[in-house]
Amino acid sequence: MAAAPGHEAAHQHPRGHTEPHAAKHADPSYGQRSLLGVLLALTALSGLVDAVCYLGLGRVFTANMTGNVVVLGFAAAGAPGFSVTACLTSLVVFLVGAVCGGRVSIHISRRSRLLVTAAALEAFFVAAASVVALAASTVATGWPRYLTIAILALAMGIRNAVIRRLAIHDMTTTVLTMTLTGLAADSSLAGRGNERAARRAGSVLAMLIGAVVGAVLYLHRGAGLPLAIMAAAAAIIAVIAYASSAATYLDAS
């Protein structure tokens, strides 16, 4: 028996709306852009967390270990305002986090699930750090300082290990030295085409924006609020990484 025209139209109507959506998710270029958006957002969070750590936790980094090693050298030389203990805490716990991230990478084979797991763990640990910062009278001294440094360094170590495993060109999310080098060395001034100039410049801009936002929030509201915002942002990033075409692109690459 032939279907009624209205019934047939009812089936055709939703298809007309879903097919472009499915095609969009199947488009590799769209998936790549979605993935780059996720990684740029994580890069901005790195700028935010290190702004809070450097300004609020006594000149120490928890995401950028290159800077942290340099700061440790300042502290070891006796420069005022720097702490050997704080820097070592960050370095050691970051390495522990990297080990954990490496172990997670062994047990989770799907690249999209690995990224989602790292972002979700980051959201959890940064939320814990924000609770410490909001509950303590200050995170500049004493046990709240070291506990906050340790929690954040653990989260950043896990994330860095996972991002290293994913190996997306020029998207380390924490270190910009080689990104800036590539931006200049592959430029037209150097006689090259610089095909990844947009993502490189985007990484630099994202971290700068994150650092500005983190500094402004810390200077006006203390450490707790920017860390809470970062935790919420990391949770949103985890959801986007799971639900968007970035997951399909990662698993296919």
C-alpha atoms as a PDB file:
ATOM      1  CA  MET A   1       0.000   0.000   0.000  1.00  0.00           C
ATOM      2  CA  ALA A   2       1.444   3.388  -1.032  1.00  0.00           C
ATOM      3  CA  ALA A   3       2.328   5.764   1.737  1.00  0.00           C
ATOM      4  CA  ALA A   4       0.337   8.941   2.030  1.00  0.00           C
ATOM      5  CA  PRO A   5       2.060  11.971   0.496  1.00  0.00           C
ATOM      6  CA  GLY A   6       2.165  13.726   3.839  1.00  0.00           C
ATOM      7  CA  HIS A   7       3.725  10.681   5.483  1.00  0.00           C
ATOM      8  CA  GLU A   8       6.392  10.425   2.777  1.00  0.00           C
ATOM      9  CA  ALA A   9       7.171  14.138   3.115  1.00  0.00           C
ATOM     10  CA  ALA A  10       7.538  13.754   6.857  1.00  0.00           C
ATOM     11  CA  HIS A  11      10.325  11.242   6.266  1.00  0.00           C
ATOM     12  CA  GLN A  12      12.003  13.311   3.610  1.00  0.00           C
ATOM     13  CA  HIS A  13      11.923  16.540   5.580  1.00  0.00           C
ATOM     14  CA  PRO A  14      14.216  15.503   8.446  1.00  0.00           C
ATOM     15  CA  ARG A  15      16.608  13.827   6.018  1.00  0.00           C
ATOM     16  CA  GLY A  16      17.065  17.113   4.270  1.00  0.00           C
ATOM     17  CA  HIS A  17      18.229  18.589   7.550  1.00  0.00           C
ATOM     18  CA  THR A  18      20.434  15.742   8.740  1.00  0.00           C
ATOM     19  CA  GLU A  19      22.338  14.958   5.565  1.00  0.00           C
ATOM     20  CA  PRO A  20      24.290  18.248   5.451  1.00  0.00           C
ATOM     21  CA  HIS A  21      25.138  17.754   9.131  1.00  0.00           C
ATOM     22  CA  ALA A  22      26.411  14.222   8.454  1.00  0.00           C
ATOM     23  CA  ALA A  23      28.355  15.415   5.429  1.00  0.00           C
ATOM     24  CA  LYS A  24      29.943  18.136   7.509  1.00  0.00           C
ATOM     25  CA  HIS A  25      31.122  15.594  10.079  1.00  0.00           C
ATOM     26  CA  ALA A  26      32.473  13.345   7.325  1.00  0.00           C
ATOM     27  CA  ASP A  27      34.492  16.175   5.749  1.00  0.00           C
ATOM     28  CA  PRO A  28      38.161  15.692   6.791  1.00  0.00           C
ATOM     29  CA  SER A  29      38.922  19.408   6.505  1.00  0.00           C
ATOM     30  CA  TYR A  30      36.049  20.228   8.843  1.00  0.00           C
ATOM     31  CA  GLY A  31      37.270  17.601  11.295  1.00  0.00           C
ATOM     32  CA  GLN A  32      40.769  19.007  11.162  1.00  0.00           C
ATOM     33  CA  ARG A  33      39.505  22.508  11.881  1.00  0.00           C
ATOM     34  CA  SER A  34      37.485  21.186  14.812  1.00  0.00           C
ATOM     35  CA  LEU A  35      40.543  19.427  16.218  1.00  0.00           C
ATOM     36  CA  LEU A  36      42.707  22.515  15.815  1.00  0.00           C
ATOM     37  CA  GLY A  37      40.038  24.531  17.608  1.00  0.00           C
ATOM     38  CA  VAL A  38      40.150  22.113  20.549  1.00  0.00           C
ATOM     39  CA  LEU A  39      43.951  22.271  20.715  1.00  0.00           C
ATOM     40  CA  LEU A  40      43.978  26.066  20.455  1.00  0.00           C
ATOM     41  CA  ALA A  41      41.543  26.209  23.368  1.00  0.00           C
ATOM     42  CA  LEU A  42      43.876  23.996  25.418  1.00  0.00           C
ATOM     43  CA  THR A  43      46.764  26.299  24.464  1.00  0.00           C
ATOM     44  CA  ALA A  44      44.822  29.279  25.800  1.00  0.00           C
ATOM     45  CA  LEU A  45      44.267  27.375  29.059  1.00  0.00           C
ATOM     46  CA  SER A  46      48.028  26.879  29.331  1.00  0.00           C
ATOM     47  CA  GLY A  47      48.534  30.629  29.185  1.00  0.00           C
ATOM     48  CA  LEU A  48      45.849  31.102  31.819  1.00  0.00           C
ATOM     49  CA  VAL A  49      47.200  28.541  34.264  1.00  0.00           C
ATOM     50  CA  ASP A  50      50.789  29.743  34.025  1.00  0.00           C
ATOM     51  CA  ALA A  51      49.683  33.358  34.507  1.00  0.00           C
ATOM     52  CA  VAL A  52      47.959  32.355  37.732  1.00  0.00           C
ATOM     53  CA  CYS A  53      50.892  30.206  38.851  1.00  0.00           C
ATOM     54  CA  TYR A  54      53.612  32.730  38.108  1.00  0.00           C
ATOM     55  CA  LEU A  55      51.758  35.682  39.597  1.00  0.00           C
ATOM     56  CA  GLY A  56      50.000  33.924  42.450  1.00  0.00           C
ATOM     57  CA  LEU A  57      52.120  30.938  43.461  1.00  0.00           C
ATOM     58  CA  GLY A  58      55.507  32.621  43.670  1.00  0.00           C
ATOM     59  CA  ARG A  59      57.080  32.755  40.200  1.00  0.00           C
ATOM     60  CA  VAL A  60      56.667  29.140  39.225  1.00  0.00           C
ATOM     61  CA  PHE A  61      55.233  27.486  36.111  1.00  0.00           C
ATOM     62  CA  THR A  62      53.174  24.293  35.963  1.00  0.00           C
ATOM     63  CA  ALA A  63      52.567  24.018  32.206  1.00  0.00           C
ATOM     64  CA  ASN A  64      55.763  25.420  30.683  1.00  0.00           C
ATOM     65  CA  MET A  65      58.614  23.320  32.028  1.00  0.00           C
ATOM     66  CA  THR A  66      61.215  25.122  29.905  1.00  0.00           C
ATOM     67  CA  GLY A  67      60.458  28.285  31.808  1.00  0.00           C
ATOM     68  CA  ASN A  68      60.341  26.353  35.048  1.00  0.00           C
ATOM     69  CA  VAL A  69      63.860  24.985  34.593  1.00  0.00           C
ATOM     70  CA  VAL A  70      65.116  28.519  33.964  1.00  0.00           C
ATOM     71  CA  VAL A  71      63.272  29.784  37.045  1.00  0.00           C
ATOM     72  CA  LEU A  72      64.802  26.943  39.051  1.00  0.00           C
ATOM     73  CA  GLY A  73      68.217  28.184  37.953  1.00  0.00           C
ATOM     74  CA  PHE A  74      67.336  31.682  39.209  1.00  0.00           C
ATOM     75  CA  ALA A  75      66.213  30.232  42.527  1.00  0.00           C
ATOM     76  CA  ALA A  76      69.330  28.071  42.860  1.00  0.00           C
ATOM     77  CA  ALA A  77      71.473  31.153  42.292  1.00  0.00           C
ATOM     78  CA  GLY A  78      69.726  32.894  45.179  1.00  0.00           C
ATOM     79  CA  ALA A  79      67.737  35.442  43.178  1.00  0.00           C
ATOM     80  CA  PRO A  80      65.089  37.020  45.428  1.00  0.00           C
ATOM     81  CA  GLY A  81      61.466  36.024  44.938  1.00  0.00           C
ATOM     82  CA  PHE A  82      62.160  32.562  43.541  1.00  0.00           C
ATOM     83  CA  SER A  83      61.819  29.223  45.346  1.00  0.00           C
ATOM     84  CA  VAL A  84      63.842  26.081  44.693  1.00  0.00           C
ATOM     85  CA  THR A  85      61.284  24.018  46.600  1.00  0.00           C
ATOM     86  CA  ALA A  86      58.320  25.325  44.616  1.00  0.00           C
ATOM     87  CA  CYS A  87      60.064  24.806  41.279  1.00  0.00           C
ATOM     88  CA  LEU A  88      61.177  21.292  42.195  1.00  0.00           C
ATOM     89  CA  THR A  89      57.648  20.447  43.361  1.00  0.00           C
ATOM     90  CA  SER A  90      56.279  21.520  39.998  1.00  0.00           C
ATOM     91  CA  LEU A  91      58.961  19.679  38.020  1.00  0.00           C
ATOM     92  CA  VAL A  92      58.739  16.410  39.944  1.00  0.00           C
ATOM     93  CA  VAL A  93      54.936  16.245  39.997  1.00  0.00           C
ATOM     94  CA  PHE A  94      54.801  17.240  36.310  1.00  0.00           C
ATOM     95  CA  LEU A  95      57.011  14.233  35.547  1.00  0.00           C
ATOM     96  CA  VAL A  96      54.707  12.026  37.624  1.00  0.00           C
ATOM     97  CA  GLY A  97      51.786  13.358  35.591  1.00  0.00           C
ATOM     98  CA  ALA A  98      53.660  12.647  32.356  1.00  0.00           C
ATOM     99  CA  VAL A  99      54.237   9.063  33.495  1.00  0.00           C
ATOM    100  CA  CYS A 100      50.512   8.744  34.240  1.00  0.00           C
ATOM    101  CA  GLY A 101      49.687  10.209  30.840  1.00  0.00           C
ATOM    102  CA  GLY A 102      52.034   7.730  29.205  1.00  0.00           C
ATOM    103  CA  ARG A 103      50.359   4.845  31.016  1.00  0.00           C
ATOM    104  CA  VAL A 104      46.930   6.097  29.982  1.00  0.00           C
ATOM    105  CA  SER A 105      48.155   6.287  26.372  1.00  0.00           C
ATOM    106  CA  ILE A 106      49.094   2.598  26.486  1.00  0.00           C
ATOM    107  CA  HIS A 107      45.650   1.496  27.682  1.00  0.00           C
ATOM    108  CA  ILE A 108      43.549   3.779  25.467  1.00  0.00           C
ATOM    109  CA  SER A 109      44.183   3.097  21.806  1.00  0.00           C
ATOM    110  CA  ARG A 110      41.548   5.364  20.262  1.00  0.00           C
ATOM    111  CA  ARG A 111      43.105   8.768  19.780  1.00  0.00           C
ATOM    112  CA  SER A 112      39.852  10.676  20.271  1.00  0.00           C
ATOM    113  CA  ARG A 113      39.126   8.895  23.548  1.00  0.00           C
ATOM    114  CA  LEU A 114      42.670   9.630  24.682  1.00  0.00           C
ATOM    115  CA  LEU A 115      42.215  13.367  24.101  1.00  0.00           C
ATOM    116  CA  VAL A 116      38.827  13.353  25.818  1.00  0.00           C
ATOM    117  CA  THR A 117      40.286  11.513  28.815  1.00  0.00           C
ATOM    118  CA  ALA A 118      43.147  13.994  29.149  1.00  0.00           C
ATOM    119  CA  ALA A 119      40.795  16.990  28.972  1.00  0.00           C
ATOM    120  CA  ALA A 120      38.411  15.405  31.493  1.00  0.00           C
ATOM    121  CA  LEU A 121      41.244  14.641  33.922  1.00  0.00           C
ATOM    122  CA  GLU A 122      42.507  18.190  33.500  1.00  0.00           C
ATOM    123  CA  ALA A 123      39.052  19.531  34.338  1.00  0.00           C
ATOM    124  CA  PHE A 124      38.917  17.351  37.468  1.00  0.00           C
ATOM    125  CA  PHE A 125      42.349  18.276  38.797  1.00  0.00           C
ATOM    126  CA  VAL A 126      42.067  21.982  38.020  1.00  0.00           C
ATOM    127  CA  ALA A 127      38.672  22.002  39.758  1.00  0.00           C
ATOM    128  CA  ALA A 128      40.381  20.473  42.806  1.00  0.00           C
ATOM    129  CA  ALA A 129      43.056  23.177  42.671  1.00  0.00           C
ATOM    130  CA  SER A 130      40.386  25.875  42.468  1.00  0.00           C
ATOM    131  CA  VAL A 131      38.714  24.449  45.581  1.00  0.00           C
ATOM    132  CA  VAL A 132      42.032  24.678  47.454  1.00  0.00           C
ATOM    133  CA  ALA A 133      42.567  28.242  46.229  1.00  0.00           C
ATOM    134  CA  LEU A 134      39.039  29.334  47.161  1.00  0.00           C
ATOM    135  CA  ALA A 135      39.168  27.662  50.577  1.00  0.00           C
ATOM    136  CA  ALA A 136      42.608  28.953  51.610  1.00  0.00           C
ATOM    137  CA  SER A 137      43.207  32.510  52.734  1.00  0.00           C
ATOM    138  CA  THR A 138      46.195  32.621  50.377  1.00  0.00           C
ATOM    139  CA  VAL A 139      47.977  30.315  47.937  1.00  0.00           C
ATOM    140  CA  ALA A 140      51.134  32.420  47.928  1.00  0.00           C
ATOM    141  CA  THR A 141      52.639  30.637  50.951  1.00  0.00           C
ATOM    142  CA  GLY A 142      52.388  27.497  53.028  1.00  0.00           C
ATOM    143  CA  TRP A 143      50.765  24.163  52.240  1.00  0.00           C
ATOM    144  CA  PRO A 144      48.016  25.627  49.983  1.00  0.00           C
ATOM    145  CA  ARG A 145      50.739  26.932  47.663  1.00  0.00           C
ATOM    146  CA  TYR A 146      52.485  23.587  47.317  1.00  0.00           C
ATOM    147  CA  LEU A 147      49.262  21.600  47.073  1.00  0.00           C
ATOM    148  CA  THR A 148      47.956  23.875  44.325  1.00  0.00           C
ATOM    149  CA  ILE A 149      51.259  23.675  42.429  1.00  0.00           C
ATOM    150  CA  ALA A 150      51.281  19.879  42.718  1.00  0.00           C
ATOM    151  CA  ILE A 151      47.693  19.433  41.510  1.00  0.00           C
ATOM    152  CA  LEU A 152      48.149  21.748  38.535  1.00  0.00           C
ATOM    153  CA  ALA A 153      51.525  20.257  37.580  1.00  0.00           C
ATOM    154  CA  LEU A 154      49.992  16.763  37.667  1.00  0.00           C
ATOM    155  CA  ALA A 155      47.208  17.847  35.314  1.00  0.00           C
ATOM    156  CA  MET A 156      49.636  19.536  32.937  1.00  0.00           C
ATOM    157  CA  GLY A 157      51.967  16.522  32.925  1.00  0.00           C
ATOM    158  CA  ILE A 158      49.116  14.208  31.924  1.00  0.00           C
ATOM    159  CA  ARG A 159      47.986  16.579  29.183  1.00  0.00           C
ATOM    160  CA  ASN A 160      51.474  17.064  27.759  1.00  0.00           C
ATOM    161  CA  ALA A 161      52.082  13.317  27.570  1.00  0.00           C
ATOM    162  CA  VAL A 162      48.808  12.785  25.725  1.00  0.00           C
ATOM    163  CA  ILE A 163      49.367  15.697  23.320  1.00  0.00           C
ATOM    164  CA  ARG A 164      52.842  14.322  22.584  1.00  0.00           C
ATOM    165  CA  ARG A 165      51.267  10.959  21.817  1.00  0.00           C
ATOM    166  CA  LEU A 166      48.774  12.540  19.414  1.00  0.00           C
ATOM    167  CA  ALA A 167      51.649  14.332  17.611  1.00  0.00           C
ATOM    168  CA  ILE A 168      49.710  17.076  15.832  1.00  0.00           C
ATOM    169  CA  HIS A 169      52.188  19.317  14.006  1.00  0.00           C
ATOM    170  CA  ASP A 170      52.855  22.678  15.705  1.00  0.00           C
ATOM    171  CA  MET A 171      50.194  22.078  18.361  1.00  0.00           C
ATOM    172  CA  THR A 172      52.031  21.240  21.575  1.00  0.00           C
ATOM    173  CA  THR A 173      49.555  23.399  23.596  1.00  0.00           C
ATOM    174  CA  THR A 174      52.259  24.479  26.079  1.00  0.00           C
ATOM    175  CA  VAL A 175      55.567  25.289  24.347  1.00  0.00           C
ATOM    176  CA  LEU A 176      55.935  27.972  21.677  1.00  0.00           C
ATOM    177  CA  THR A 177      59.687  28.096  20.993  1.00  0.00           C
ATOM    178  CA  MET A 178      59.622  25.696  18.042  1.00  0.00           C
ATOM    179  CA  THR A 179      56.286  27.113  16.892  1.00  0.00           C
ATOM    180  CA  LEU A 180      57.778  30.592  16.667  1.00  0.00           C
ATOM    181  CA  THR A 181      60.898  29.178  15.034  1.00  0.00           C
ATOM    182  CA  GLY A 182      58.785  27.446  12.387  1.00  0.00           C
ATOM    183  CA  LEU A 183      56.750  30.592  11.830  1.00  0.00           C
ATOM    184  CA  ALA A 184      59.913  32.516  10.985  1.00  0.00           C
ATOM    185  CA  ALA A 185      62.072  29.795   9.403  1.00  0.00           C
ATOM    186  CA  ASP A 186      59.311  28.663   7.025  1.00  0.00           C
ATOM    187  CA  SER A 187      58.145  32.181   6.135  1.00  0.00           C
ATOM    188  CA  SER A 188      58.389  33.823   2.720  1.00  0.00           C
ATOM    189  CA  LEU A 189      61.297  35.884   4.086  1.00  0.00           C
ATOM    190  CA  ALA A 190      63.181  32.596   4.451  1.00  0.00           C
ATOM    191  CA  GLY A 191      62.160  31.509   0.953  1.00  0.00           C
ATOM    192  CA  ARG A 192      59.473  29.049   2.012  1.00  0.00           C
ATOM    193  CA  GLY A 193      55.702  28.809   1.810  1.00  0.00           C
ATOM    194  CA  ASN A 194      54.884  28.403   5.537  1.00  0.00           C
ATOM    195  CA  GLU A 195      51.841  26.189   4.962  1.00  0.00           C
ATOM    196  CA  ARG A 196      51.050  25.963   8.682  1.00  0.00           C
ATOM    197  CA  ALA A 197      51.443  29.683   9.380  1.00  0.00           C
ATOM    198  CA  ALA A 198      47.813  30.064  10.486  1.00  0.00           C
ATOM    199  CA  ARG A 199      47.924  27.377  13.145  1.00  0.00           C
ATOM    200  CA  ARG A 200      51.326  28.560  14.370  1.00  0.00           C
ATOM    201  CA  ALA A 201      50.188  32.150  14.683  1.00  0.00           C
ATOM    202  CA  GLY A 202      46.953  30.913  16.249  1.00  0.00           C
ATOM    203  CA  SER A 203      48.889  29.012  18.925  1.00  0.00           C
ATOM    204  CA  VAL A 204      50.892  32.093  19.846  1.00  0.00           C
ATOM    205  CA  LEU A 205      47.784  34.266  19.950  1.00  0.00           C
ATOM    206  CA  ALA A 206      45.821  31.705  21.974  1.00  0.00           C
ATOM    207  CA  MET A 207      48.481  31.462  24.662  1.00  0.00           C
ATOM    208  CA  LEU A 208      48.837  35.246  24.772  1.00  0.00           C
ATOM    209  CA  ILE A 209      45.089  35.682  25.203  1.00  0.00           C
ATOM    210  CA  GLY A 210      45.018  33.019  27.905  1.00  0.00           C
ATOM    211  CA  ALA A 211      47.872  34.706  29.761  1.00  0.00           C
ATOM    212  CA  VAL A 212      46.167  38.114  29.579  1.00  0.00           C
ATOM    213  CA  VAL A 213      42.848  36.706  30.807  1.00  0.00           C
ATOM    214  CA  GLY A 214      44.552  34.738  33.589  1.00  0.00           C
ATOM    215  CA  ALA A 215      46.563  37.746  34.737  1.00  0.00           C
ATOM    216  CA  VAL A 216      43.580  40.092  34.732  1.00  0.00           C
ATOM    217  CA  LEU A 217      41.421  37.614  36.642  1.00  0.00           C
ATOM    218  CA  TYR A 218      44.132  36.885  39.176  1.00  0.00           C
ATOM    219  CA  LEU A 219      44.966  40.549  39.788  1.00  0.00           C
ATOM    220  CA  HIS A 220      41.312  41.424  40.369  1.00  0.00           C
ATOM    221  CA  ARG A 221      39.789  38.235  41.821  1.00  0.00           C
ATOM    222  CA  GLY A 222      42.622  36.045  43.127  1.00  0.00           C
ATOM    223  CA  ALA A 223      43.573  32.521  42.071  1.00  0.00           C
ATOM    224  CA  GLY A 224      40.348  30.633  42.766  1.00  0.00           C
ATOM    225  CA  LEU A 225      38.086  32.162  40.118  1.00  0.00           C
ATOM    226  CA  PRO A 226      40.415  31.813  37.101  1.00  0.00           C
ATOM    227  CA  LEU A 227      41.151  28.208  38.062  1.00  0.00           C
ATOM    228  CA  ALA A 228      37.420  27.481  38.370  1.00  0.00           C
ATOM    229  CA  ILE A 229      36.861  29.021  34.935  1.00  0.00           C
ATOM    230  CA  MET A 230      39.697  26.925  33.537  1.00  0.00           C
ATOM    231  CA  ALA A 231      38.205  23.744  35.005  1.00  0.00           C
ATOM    232  CA  ALA A 232      34.829  24.516  33.433  1.00  0.00           C
ATOM    233  CA  ALA A 233      36.490  25.310  30.101  1.00  0.00           C
ATOM    234  CA  ALA A 234      38.453  22.039  30.164  1.00  0.00           C
ATOM    235  CA  ALA A 235      35.224  20.120  30.820  1.00  0.00           C
ATOM    236  CA  ILE A 236      33.549  21.846  27.869  1.00  0.00           C
ATOM    237  CA  ILE A 237      36.569  21.062  25.692  1.00  0.00           C
ATOM    238  CA  ALA A 238      36.293  17.381  26.665  1.00  0.00           C
ATOM    239  CA  VAL A 239      32.634  17.337  25.587  1.00  0.00           C
ATOM    240  CA  ILE A 240      33.423  19.088  22.298  1.00  0.00           C
ATOM    241  CA  ALA A 241      36.316  16.719  21.598  1.00  0.00           C
ATOM    242  CA  TYR A 242      33.978  13.781  22.161  1.00  0.00           C
ATOM    243  CA  ALA A 243      30.926  15.034  20.263  1.00  0.00           C
ATOM    244  CA  SER A 244      32.432  16.985  17.367  1.00  0.00           C
ATOM    245  CA  SER A 245      33.979  15.855  14.098  1.00  0.00           C
ATOM    246  CA  ALA A 246      37.385  16.273  15.762  1.00  0.00           C
ATOM    247  CA  ALA A 247      36.922  12.753  17.187  1.00  0.00           C
ATOM    248  CA  THR A 248      36.225  11.241  13.781  1.00  0.00           C
ATOM    249  CA  TYR A 249      39.191  13.045  12.260  1.00  0.00           C
ATOM    250  CA  LEU A 250      41.559  11.943  15.031  1.00  0.00           C
ATOM    251  CA  ASP A 251      40.539   8.297  14.804  1.00  0.00           C
ATOM    252  CA  ALA A 252      40.884   8.307  11.019  1.00  0.00           C
ATOM    253  CA  SER A 253      44.328   9.936  10.988  1.00  0.00           C
END
